[in-house]
Amino acid sequence: MAEHMDPEEFRRAGHAVVDWIADYWATLGQRPVTSQDPPGALAAALPAGPTADGEPVEAVLADLDALVAPRLTHWQHPGFFGYFPANTSGPSVLGDLVSAGLGVQGMLWATGPACTELETVLLDWLAGLLDLPERFRSTGRGGGVIQDSASSATLVATLGALHRAGGGRWREAGIDRRYRAYTSTQGHSSIEKAARIAGLGSDGVRMVEVDPETLAMRPEALREAIRADLAAGDVPAIVVATIGTTSTTAVDPLPEIGEICAEYGVWLHVDAAYAGAAAVCPELRWSHAGLEYADSYCFDPHKWLLTGFDCDAFWVADRGELIEALTVLPEYLRNAATESGAVIDYRDWQVPLGRRFRALKLWFVLRWYGVEGLRAHVRAGVALAGRFADRVRADDRFVLAGPHPFSLVCFRLAAGDEASAELLSRVNATGRVFLTHTRVGGRYTLRLVVGSPLTTQSHVDEAWALVSEAAGTVLSDAG
């Protein structure tokens, strides 16, 4: 029977695990981006149950090599262009390792003073790095917290908005009238899910029309929807605007939307999950114009800022509103620090009670890369996407499906939907790159997004070569 791993055994095993990860990163470019096996392959290869006695780490790593790694979609692969990246980096992994080793549960300041205070300071750092409005800083009425994802941030914002819209009744009475949430037709699916969880139902979400050219929310359509709901006796609770929509990275017009929210007293949440990271670069902060109207804002360092999943940075302009909506204090959590009112208890800023020491990996990343290192990473992604878009634009077989202000390029074959779908299938079948699709204006459209720190100009050029070659085959077969 295996006993607890002592510090020296852990040291030896830890070196082996770090070596395995380093070798994995070093060989990623040689692997297919996606698994070549059918569903169920790993399940069939695993034993019927766990071993009666313990096994050495070497045996586990051997099975990682033989069984697990070949059946992954490799999100850190230099040819992974399919979804917004779920980046990681060496500093982030090391920070996560320290977090796991410390095993802190930071639900209260009292259960992890440094866990709480480091997170508060880091969110203020990030707010400064992105040049967010002063109202989001912890030195005033606002402040930031790390959620697991933008989906959770949207849910928490929705709960805070319901508490405000109900005049404080929501805590006790719940959904005692018809509340409404608003987002564009391009808004993320998590907005509808948040509305369902909060008790509004899918019908409680008003999908606001977008401009057919920019695919950004039409402010006049938002105003019309709010007016119609008010006339029907419904209560507008929250508007979720997007900086960088999932399909095309469209940017909603925050100044106009913000004025409407201010006029009607509606909570404005801004979802910048992917594109918010671009604001580390001063030349890309144009997308944040109007953010001073927002009651809450979030972006994911785990997408484009080299911090491993899960890490969403979420700010509120008035933390008191959020705490009042979410706080529950049973006797067993009472303590002198909380009673003093001098500390932040992040359990009141989220749905679950418990929380990991997520700030450590973000701290490691910020310390390792510094401001200029993060800016260089974002600028490299934008430049590589621009390089790919230039190739598409110069080839009359293709159509660019919209602007590409960040690191996503949307394009399709001019020959039509069937040809574009076949093109995607052929490109992904090579195993060298992985792209995804969406629909823009009803047309089947391919998405290529740059984000991995391992991706270089040569990988983008290879992607274009594969796309161009496959296009020739598809069009030849169709002709």
Protein backbone atom coordinates (compact mmCIF):
# COMPACT_ATOMS: atom_id res chain seq x y z
CA MET A 1 0.00 0.00 0.00
CA ALA A 2 1.42 3.38 -1.00
CA GLU A 3 1.99 5.87 1.79
CA HIS A 4 1.78 9.64 1.63
CA MET A 5 4.38 11.21 -0.67
CA ASP A 6 7.07 12.76 1.51
CA PRO A 7 8.83 16.00 0.49
CA GLU A 8 11.81 14.24 -1.07
CA GLU A 9 9.62 11.88 -3.08
CA PHE A 10 7.58 14.87 -4.17
CA ARG A 11 10.74 16.69 -5.25
CA ARG A 12 11.84 13.74 -7.42
CA ALA A 13 8.38 13.19 -8.90
CA GLY A 14 7.93 16.92 -9.45
CA HIS A 15 11.10 17.12 -11.52
CA ALA A 16 9.81 14.24 -13.65
CA VAL A 17 6.44 15.95 -14.20
CA VAL A 18 8.03 19.29 -15.13
CA ASP A 19 10.34 17.46 -17.55
CA TRP A 20 7.30 15.77 -19.09
CA ILE A 21 5.52 19.09 -19.60
CA ALA A 22 8.65 20.68 -21.09
CA ASP A 23 9.05 17.76 -23.50
CA TYR A 24 5.37 18.02 -24.41
CA TRP A 25 5.71 21.70 -25.29
CA ALA A 26 8.91 21.03 -27.23
CA THR A 27 7.24 18.38 -29.40
CA LEU A 28 3.82 19.96 -29.88
CA GLY A 29 4.54 21.09 -33.41
CA GLN A 30 5.21 17.48 -34.42
CA ARG A 31 1.84 16.23 -33.19
CA PRO A 32 -1.53 16.39 -34.96
CA VAL A 33 -3.53 19.29 -33.50
CA THR A 34 -6.58 17.10 -32.91
CA SER A 35 -7.01 13.45 -32.00
CA GLN A 36 -7.09 11.02 -34.89
CA ASP A 37 -8.98 8.37 -32.89
CA PRO A 38 -12.76 7.78 -32.83
CA PRO A 39 -14.93 8.48 -29.76
CA GLY A 40 -14.44 5.96 -26.98
CA ALA A 41 -10.83 5.10 -27.81
CA LEU A 42 -9.37 6.26 -24.49
CA ALA A 43 -12.22 4.77 -22.46
CA ALA A 44 -11.62 1.40 -24.12
CA ALA A 45 -7.88 1.57 -23.42
CA LEU A 46 -8.26 2.21 -19.69
CA PRO A 47 -8.46 -0.64 -17.14
CA ALA A 48 -11.78 -1.58 -15.60
CA GLY A 49 -10.87 0.04 -12.29
CA PRO A 50 -8.03 1.48 -10.21
CA THR A 51 -5.16 -0.67 -9.00
CA ALA A 52 -5.33 -2.14 -5.52
CA ASP A 53 -1.84 -0.87 -4.69
CA GLY A 54 -0.23 2.40 -5.63
CA GLU A 55 1.89 2.94 -8.72
CA PRO A 56 4.98 5.08 -9.23
CA VAL A 57 4.76 8.44 -11.00
CA GLU A 58 6.78 6.98 -13.87
CA ALA A 59 3.92 4.58 -14.66
CA VAL A 60 1.43 7.43 -14.70
CA LEU A 61 3.62 9.50 -17.02
CA ALA A 62 4.07 6.52 -19.33
CA ASP A 63 0.30 6.24 -19.68
CA LEU A 64 0.08 10.00 -20.25
CA ASP A 65 2.38 9.49 -23.22
CA ALA A 66 0.75 6.35 -24.57
CA LEU A 67 -2.93 6.84 -23.78
CA VAL A 68 -3.85 10.44 -23.01
CA ALA A 69 -1.67 12.80 -25.06
CA PRO A 70 -2.44 11.19 -28.46
CA ARG A 71 -6.17 11.63 -27.80
CA LEU A 72 -6.17 15.32 -26.96
CA THR A 73 -7.04 18.45 -28.85
CA HIS A 74 -3.81 20.34 -28.25
CA TRP A 75 -4.84 23.87 -27.32
CA GLN A 76 -1.24 25.05 -26.96
CA HIS A 77 -0.29 23.76 -30.44
CA PRO A 78 1.18 26.41 -32.77
CA GLY A 79 -1.37 25.33 -35.39
CA PHE A 80 -4.37 25.67 -33.08
CA PHE A 81 -6.43 28.44 -34.70
CA GLY A 82 -9.91 27.14 -33.92
CA TYR A 83 -11.23 28.98 -30.89
CA PHE A 84 -10.15 31.97 -28.88
CA PRO A 85 -7.03 30.64 -27.21
CA ALA A 86 -6.92 29.10 -23.77
CA ASN A 87 -3.34 30.17 -23.31
CA THR A 88 -0.90 29.06 -20.73
CA SER A 89 2.78 29.77 -20.20
CA GLY A 90 5.69 28.61 -18.07
CA PRO A 91 5.17 31.28 -15.40
CA SER A 92 1.45 30.52 -15.21
CA VAL A 93 2.04 26.79 -14.75
CA LEU A 94 4.56 27.48 -12.00
CA GLY A 95 2.14 29.82 -10.26
CA ASP A 96 -0.58 27.18 -10.43
CA LEU A 97 1.85 24.63 -9.00
CA VAL A 98 2.54 26.89 -6.03
CA SER A 99 -1.18 27.48 -5.57
CA ALA A 100 -1.84 23.74 -5.57
CA GLY A 101 1.04 23.15 -3.16
CA LEU A 102 -0.17 25.76 -0.71
CA GLY A 103 -3.70 24.37 -0.85
CA VAL A 104 -5.24 27.63 0.37
CA GLN A 105 -9.03 27.97 0.42
CA GLY A 106 -9.54 31.71 0.14
CA MET A 107 -13.26 32.08 0.80
CA LEU A 108 -12.65 34.64 3.56
CA TRP A 109 -9.87 37.10 4.28
CA ALA A 110 -9.43 35.19 7.54
CA THR A 111 -8.88 31.88 5.72
CA GLY A 112 -6.15 33.36 3.52
CA PRO A 113 -5.20 36.98 4.15
CA ALA A 114 -2.46 37.05 1.52
CA CYS A 115 -4.71 35.19 -0.95
CA THR A 116 -7.30 37.94 -0.70
CA GLU A 117 -4.97 40.93 -0.60
CA LEU A 118 -2.79 39.78 -3.51
CA GLU A 119 -5.91 39.33 -5.63
CA THR A 120 -7.22 42.80 -4.76
CA VAL A 121 -3.90 44.45 -5.62
CA LEU A 122 -3.50 42.45 -8.84
CA LEU A 123 -6.95 43.46 -10.07
CA ASP A 124 -6.04 47.08 -9.40
CA TRP A 125 -2.81 46.53 -11.35
CA LEU A 126 -4.75 45.06 -14.24
CA ALA A 127 -7.25 47.91 -14.17
CA GLY A 128 -4.34 50.30 -14.53
CA LEU A 129 -2.74 48.22 -17.25
CA LEU A 130 -5.96 48.31 -19.31
CA ASP A 131 -6.64 51.94 -18.34
CA LEU A 132 -10.07 51.05 -16.97
CA PRO A 133 -12.17 53.81 -15.38
CA GLU A 134 -11.17 54.81 -11.85
CA ARG A 135 -14.56 53.66 -10.54
CA PHE A 136 -13.39 50.02 -10.86
CA ARG A 137 -10.49 50.43 -8.42
CA SER A 138 -10.64 48.99 -4.90
CA THR A 139 -9.41 52.32 -3.55
CA GLY A 140 -12.91 53.68 -4.19
CA ARG A 141 -16.32 52.05 -4.12
CA GLY A 142 -15.49 49.47 -6.79
CA GLY A 143 -13.01 46.64 -7.08
CA GLY A 144 -12.08 43.47 -8.89
CA VAL A 145 -12.21 39.75 -8.30
CA ILE A 146 -11.10 36.67 -10.22
CA GLN A 147 -13.98 34.50 -11.42
CA ASP A 148 -13.48 31.16 -13.13
CA SER A 149 -14.81 32.39 -16.47
CA ALA A 150 -16.69 35.18 -18.21
CA SER A 151 -19.80 33.00 -17.97
CA SER A 152 -19.67 33.22 -14.18
CA ALA A 153 -18.97 36.95 -14.39
CA THR A 154 -22.12 37.43 -16.48
CA LEU A 155 -24.17 35.40 -14.01
CA VAL A 156 -22.88 37.37 -11.03
CA ALA A 157 -23.53 40.66 -12.84
CA THR A 158 -27.06 39.47 -13.62
CA LEU A 159 -27.72 38.69 -9.96
CA GLY A 160 -26.44 42.09 -8.90
CA ALA A 161 -28.59 43.73 -11.57
CA LEU A 162 -31.71 41.89 -10.40
CA HIS A 163 -31.10 43.01 -6.83
CA ARG A 164 -30.85 46.62 -7.99
CA ALA A 165 -33.82 46.41 -10.37
CA GLY A 166 -35.97 44.94 -7.63
CA GLY A 167 -35.13 47.73 -5.23
CA GLY A 168 -33.42 45.29 -2.89
CA ARG A 169 -36.33 42.83 -2.80
CA TRP A 170 -34.60 40.19 -4.90
CA ARG A 171 -32.65 38.68 -1.99
CA GLU A 172 -35.83 37.63 -0.19
CA ALA A 173 -38.59 37.71 -2.80
CA GLY A 174 -36.63 36.39 -5.78
CA ILE A 175 -38.20 36.85 -9.23
CA ASP A 176 -41.42 38.56 -8.19
CA ARG A 177 -42.08 40.28 -11.52
CA ARG A 178 -41.01 40.06 -15.16
CA TYR A 179 -37.40 41.19 -15.42
CA ARG A 180 -35.61 41.56 -18.74
CA ALA A 181 -32.02 41.15 -19.93
CA TYR A 182 -30.75 42.53 -23.24
CA THR A 183 -27.87 41.61 -25.50
CA SER A 184 -27.18 41.62 -29.21
CA THR A 185 -27.90 38.72 -31.52
CA GLN A 186 -24.13 38.21 -31.51
CA GLY A 187 -23.89 38.01 -27.71
CA HIS A 188 -22.36 34.95 -26.09
CA SER A 189 -24.53 31.95 -25.24
CA SER A 190 -23.56 32.32 -21.57
CA ILE A 191 -25.84 35.36 -21.37
CA GLU A 192 -28.89 33.22 -22.06
CA LYS A 193 -27.61 30.58 -19.63
CA ALA A 194 -27.12 33.21 -16.92
CA ALA A 195 -30.69 34.38 -17.46
CA ARG A 196 -31.98 30.82 -17.13
CA ILE A 197 -30.02 30.17 -13.94
CA ALA A 198 -31.19 33.49 -12.49
CA GLY A 199 -34.80 32.52 -13.10
CA LEU A 200 -35.58 34.79 -16.05
CA GLY A 201 -35.83 31.97 -18.56
CA SER A 202 -34.66 32.18 -22.16
CA ASP A 203 -37.72 34.30 -22.94
CA GLY A 204 -36.43 36.88 -20.49
CA VAL A 205 -33.55 37.74 -22.83
CA ARG A 206 -34.21 40.30 -25.55
CA MET A 207 -31.94 39.67 -28.55
CA VAL A 208 -31.24 43.12 -29.98
CA GLU A 209 -30.65 43.60 -33.69
CA VAL A 210 -27.18 44.41 -34.98
CA ASP A 211 -25.90 46.60 -37.76
CA PRO A 212 -25.64 44.34 -40.83
CA GLU A 213 -22.19 45.71 -41.71
CA THR A 214 -20.45 45.95 -38.33
CA LEU A 215 -22.51 43.23 -36.55
CA ALA A 216 -22.53 45.53 -33.50
CA MET A 217 -25.63 46.20 -31.41
CA ARG A 218 -27.93 48.92 -32.76
CA PRO A 219 -28.53 51.40 -29.91
CA GLU A 220 -31.85 52.53 -31.35
CA ALA A 221 -33.06 48.90 -31.38
CA LEU A 222 -32.03 48.56 -27.73
CA ARG A 223 -33.97 51.70 -26.81
CA GLU A 224 -37.05 50.39 -28.63
CA ALA A 225 -36.87 47.06 -26.80
CA ILE A 226 -36.56 48.74 -23.39
CA ARG A 227 -39.47 51.07 -24.14
CA ALA A 228 -41.66 48.18 -25.28
CA ASP A 229 -40.92 46.21 -22.11
CA LEU A 230 -41.64 49.18 -19.88
CA ALA A 231 -44.94 49.71 -21.68
CA ALA A 232 -45.79 46.06 -21.01
CA GLY A 233 -45.06 46.47 -17.30
CA ASP A 234 -41.78 44.53 -17.41
CA VAL A 235 -38.61 45.66 -15.60
CA PRO A 236 -35.42 46.14 -17.64
CA ALA A 237 -32.63 44.79 -15.42
CA ILE A 238 -29.38 44.36 -17.36
CA VAL A 239 -27.80 45.06 -20.73
CA VAL A 240 -24.80 42.94 -21.71
CA ALA A 241 -22.67 44.67 -24.32
CA THR A 242 -19.75 42.95 -25.97
CA ILE A 243 -16.24 44.04 -26.85
CA GLY A 244 -15.14 41.39 -29.33
CA THR A 245 -18.03 39.04 -30.09
CA THR A 246 -17.26 35.35 -30.43
CA SER A 247 -18.18 34.98 -34.09
CA THR A 248 -16.44 38.04 -35.53
CA THR A 249 -14.98 40.21 -32.69
CA ALA A 250 -17.55 42.95 -33.35
CA VAL A 251 -17.48 45.80 -30.82
CA ASP A 252 -20.77 47.16 -29.50
CA PRO A 253 -21.02 51.00 -29.35
CA LEU A 254 -20.63 51.50 -25.61
CA PRO A 255 -21.05 55.30 -25.52
CA GLU A 256 -24.54 55.14 -27.02
CA ILE A 257 -25.52 51.98 -25.14
CA GLY A 258 -24.20 53.45 -21.90
CA GLU A 259 -26.28 56.60 -22.29
CA ILE A 260 -29.41 54.52 -22.76
CA CYS A 261 -28.63 52.41 -19.68
CA ALA A 262 -28.03 55.56 -17.63
CA GLU A 263 -31.29 57.08 -18.85
CA TYR A 264 -33.36 54.08 -17.80
CA GLY A 265 -31.33 53.03 -14.75
CA VAL A 266 -30.36 49.65 -16.25
CA TRP A 267 -27.23 47.80 -15.16
CA LEU A 268 -24.62 47.72 -17.95
CA HIS A 269 -22.28 44.74 -17.98
CA VAL A 270 -19.50 44.69 -20.57
CA ASP A 271 -18.24 41.30 -21.73
CA ALA A 272 -14.74 41.67 -23.17
CA ALA A 273 -13.75 38.06 -22.50
CA TYR A 274 -11.36 37.73 -25.43
CA ALA A 275 -10.68 41.22 -26.77
CA GLY A 276 -10.29 42.99 -23.44
CA ALA A 277 -6.68 41.84 -23.28
CA ALA A 278 -5.95 43.99 -26.34
CA ALA A 279 -6.31 47.08 -24.16
CA VAL A 280 -2.88 46.44 -22.66
CA CYS A 281 -1.76 48.13 -25.90
CA PRO A 282 -2.63 51.86 -25.94
CA GLU A 283 -3.32 51.80 -29.67
CA LEU A 284 -6.08 49.18 -29.15
CA ARG A 285 -7.92 50.92 -26.32
CA TRP A 286 -10.37 52.52 -28.75
CA SER A 287 -12.57 49.48 -28.17
CA HIS A 288 -13.12 50.57 -24.55
CA ALA A 289 -14.58 53.98 -25.37
CA GLY A 290 -17.70 54.47 -23.25
CA LEU A 291 -16.64 52.04 -20.53
CA GLU A 292 -17.18 54.75 -17.92
CA TYR A 293 -20.90 53.93 -18.15
CA ALA A 294 -20.41 50.28 -17.15
CA ASP A 295 -21.53 48.88 -13.80
CA SER A 296 -19.39 45.80 -14.37
CA TYR A 297 -16.76 44.60 -16.83
CA CYS A 298 -14.80 41.42 -17.40
CA PHE A 299 -12.10 39.91 -19.56
CA ASP A 300 -10.26 36.58 -19.53
CA PRO A 301 -6.49 36.62 -18.92
CA HIS A 302 -6.78 32.91 -19.68
CA LYS A 303 -7.61 33.69 -23.31
CA TRP A 304 -4.98 36.08 -24.63
CA LEU A 305 -2.85 37.07 -21.66
CA LEU A 306 -0.76 33.93 -21.12
CA THR A 307 -2.50 32.86 -17.90
CA GLY A 308 -3.79 29.31 -17.74
CA PHE A 309 -7.49 28.52 -17.54
CA ASP A 310 -9.40 29.35 -15.39
CA CYS A 311 -8.95 33.08 -14.77
CA ASP A 312 -11.54 35.76 -15.52
CA ALA A 313 -10.95 39.29 -14.24
CA PHE A 314 -14.25 40.88 -13.16
CA TRP A 315 -14.78 44.41 -11.86
CA VAL A 316 -17.75 46.24 -10.40
CA ALA A 317 -18.22 49.97 -9.96
CA ASP A 318 -20.00 49.52 -6.63
CA ARG A 319 -18.93 46.47 -4.67
CA GLY A 320 -21.50 47.23 -1.99
CA GLU A 321 -24.36 46.41 -4.36
CA LEU A 322 -22.83 43.07 -5.28
CA ILE A 323 -22.04 42.11 -1.69
CA GLU A 324 -25.53 43.03 -0.54
CA ALA A 325 -27.02 40.84 -3.27
CA LEU A 326 -24.86 37.77 -2.64
CA THR A 327 -23.73 37.71 0.97
CA VAL A 328 -24.83 34.89 3.27
CA LEU A 329 -23.14 34.64 6.67
CA PRO A 330 -23.84 31.53 8.73
CA GLU A 331 -22.52 31.42 12.29
CA TYR A 332 -19.64 29.10 11.47
CA LEU A 333 -18.12 31.66 9.08
CA ARG A 334 -18.27 34.59 11.49
CA ASN A 335 -14.90 35.96 12.51
CA ALA A 336 -13.39 39.12 13.93
CA ALA A 337 -11.92 40.36 10.62
CA THR A 338 -15.24 40.08 8.78
CA GLU A 339 -17.13 41.70 11.65
CA SER A 340 -14.70 44.64 11.61
CA GLY A 341 -15.74 45.55 8.05
CA ALA A 342 -12.10 46.28 7.23
CA VAL A 343 -11.49 43.35 4.88
CA ILE A 344 -12.81 41.88 1.63
CA ASP A 345 -14.36 38.43 1.75
CA TYR A 346 -14.47 37.25 -1.85
CA ARG A 347 -17.07 34.59 -1.04
CA ASP A 348 -19.54 37.50 -1.36
CA TRP A 349 -18.44 38.26 -4.93
CA GLN A 350 -19.19 34.88 -6.52
CA VAL A 351 -21.63 31.96 -6.61
CA PRO A 352 -19.58 29.26 -4.81
CA LEU A 353 -18.32 29.64 -1.27
CA GLY A 354 -14.83 28.26 -1.78
CA ARG A 355 -12.12 29.57 -4.08
CA ARG A 356 -8.61 28.66 -5.13
CA PHE A 357 -5.58 30.94 -4.94
CA ARG A 358 -5.97 31.87 -8.63
CA ALA A 359 -4.12 35.16 -8.25
CA LEU A 360 -0.76 33.41 -7.92
CA LYS A 361 -0.55 32.33 -11.56
CA LEU A 362 -1.57 35.81 -12.68
CA TRP A 363 1.06 37.30 -10.37
CA PHE A 364 3.73 35.01 -11.81
CA VAL A 365 2.73 36.01 -15.36
CA LEU A 366 2.73 39.74 -14.66
CA ARG A 367 6.05 39.52 -12.86
CA TRP A 368 7.72 37.40 -15.57
CA TYR A 369 6.52 39.20 -18.71
CA GLY A 370 6.07 42.72 -17.41
CA VAL A 371 3.92 45.26 -19.23
CA GLU A 372 6.04 45.32 -22.37
CA GLY A 373 6.16 41.53 -22.63
CA LEU A 374 2.38 41.29 -22.54
CA ARG A 375 2.05 44.05 -25.11
CA ALA A 376 4.51 42.29 -27.39
CA HIS A 377 2.48 39.08 -27.21
CA VAL A 378 -0.79 40.81 -28.10
CA ARG A 379 0.80 42.84 -30.90
CA ALA A 380 2.34 39.69 -32.36
CA GLY A 381 -1.08 38.04 -32.56
CA VAL A 382 -2.62 41.07 -34.25
CA ALA A 383 0.23 41.26 -36.77
CA LEU A 384 0.06 37.54 -37.62
CA ALA A 385 -3.69 37.72 -38.13
CA GLY A 386 -3.18 40.74 -40.37
CA ARG A 387 -0.65 38.78 -42.39
CA PHE A 388 -3.16 35.97 -42.95
CA ALA A 389 -5.92 38.45 -43.82
CA ASP A 390 -3.67 40.07 -46.42
CA ARG A 391 -3.29 36.69 -48.13
CA VAL A 392 -7.06 36.16 -48.13
CA ARG A 393 -7.71 39.66 -49.46
CA ALA A 394 -5.26 39.20 -52.33
CA ASP A 395 -6.87 35.92 -53.51
CA ASP A 396 -10.08 36.43 -55.51
CA ARG A 397 -11.28 32.92 -54.62
CA PHE A 398 -11.94 34.18 -51.10
CA VAL A 399 -14.00 36.81 -49.32
CA LEU A 400 -13.07 38.44 -46.02
CA ALA A 401 -16.23 38.29 -43.93
CA GLY A 402 -15.57 41.37 -41.81
CA PRO A 403 -12.96 43.57 -40.15
CA HIS A 404 -10.15 41.95 -38.14
CA PRO A 405 -9.16 44.48 -35.47
CA PHE A 406 -7.66 41.87 -33.15
CA SER A 407 -6.30 38.41 -33.95
CA LEU A 408 -9.36 36.74 -35.51
CA VAL A 409 -9.85 36.51 -39.27
CA CYS A 410 -13.23 35.45 -40.71
CA PHE A 411 -13.27 34.38 -44.36
CA ARG A 412 -15.05 32.11 -46.82
CA LEU A 413 -14.85 30.84 -50.36
CA ALA A 414 -16.73 33.00 -52.83
CA ALA A 415 -18.07 29.78 -54.35
CA GLY A 416 -20.58 29.34 -51.50
CA ASP A 417 -21.40 27.55 -48.27
CA GLU A 418 -20.92 23.98 -49.46
CA ALA A 419 -17.47 24.73 -50.83
CA SER A 420 -16.47 26.60 -47.63
CA ALA A 421 -17.62 23.71 -45.44
CA GLU A 422 -15.66 21.24 -47.55
CA LEU A 423 -12.62 23.49 -47.37
CA LEU A 424 -12.74 23.48 -43.56
CA SER A 425 -13.07 19.72 -43.46
CA ARG A 426 -10.08 19.19 -45.75
CA VAL A 427 -7.85 21.67 -43.91
CA ASN A 428 -8.60 20.18 -40.49
CA ALA A 429 -8.10 16.65 -41.80
CA THR A 430 -4.41 17.41 -42.38
CA GLY A 431 -3.82 17.47 -38.63
CA ARG A 432 -1.45 20.38 -39.12
CA VAL A 433 -3.92 23.13 -38.20
CA PHE A 434 -7.34 23.41 -36.63
CA LEU A 435 -9.92 26.02 -37.67
CA THR A 436 -13.60 26.42 -36.79
CA HIS A 437 -16.60 28.03 -38.46
CA THR A 438 -19.48 30.39 -37.79
CA ARG A 439 -22.16 32.08 -39.87
CA VAL A 440 -21.87 35.73 -40.85
CA GLY A 441 -24.89 37.23 -42.58
CA GLY A 442 -26.22 33.70 -42.92
CA ARG A 443 -23.12 32.55 -44.84
CA TYR A 444 -20.87 29.66 -43.76
CA THR A 445 -17.65 31.32 -42.64
CA LEU A 446 -14.28 30.01 -41.48
CA ARG A 447 -12.54 31.40 -38.39
CA LEU A 448 -8.79 31.55 -37.88
CA VAL A 449 -7.64 33.04 -34.58
CA VAL A 450 -4.02 33.47 -33.53
CA GLY A 451 -3.18 33.18 -29.84
CA SER A 452 -0.69 30.48 -28.89
CA PRO A 453 2.68 31.82 -27.72
CA LEU A 454 4.23 29.05 -29.83
CA THR A 455 2.66 30.34 -33.07
CA THR A 456 5.09 32.11 -35.40
CA GLN A 457 4.97 33.57 -38.88
CA SER A 458 5.91 30.20 -40.34
CA HIS A 459 2.87 28.54 -38.76
CA VAL A 460 0.52 31.19 -40.15
CA ASP A 461 2.13 30.86 -43.57
CA GLU A 462 1.69 27.08 -43.38
CA ALA A 463 -1.98 27.58 -42.50
CA TRP A 464 -2.45 29.77 -45.55
CA ALA A 465 -0.64 27.25 -47.76
CA LEU A 466 -2.94 24.48 -46.54
CA VAL A 467 -6.05 26.64 -47.01
CA SER A 468 -4.97 27.72 -50.50
CA GLU A 469 -4.11 24.19 -51.60
CA ALA A 470 -7.35 22.76 -50.23
CA ALA A 471 -9.33 25.54 -51.94
CA GLY A 472 -7.82 24.55 -55.26
CA THR A 473 -8.86 20.95 -54.74
CA VAL A 474 -12.39 21.84 -53.60
CA LEU A 475 -12.99 24.22 -56.52
CA SER A 476 -11.50 21.77 -59.01
CA ASP A 477 -13.72 18.95 -57.75
CA ALA A 478 -16.76 21.22 -57.88
CA GLY A 479 -15.99 22.40 -61.38
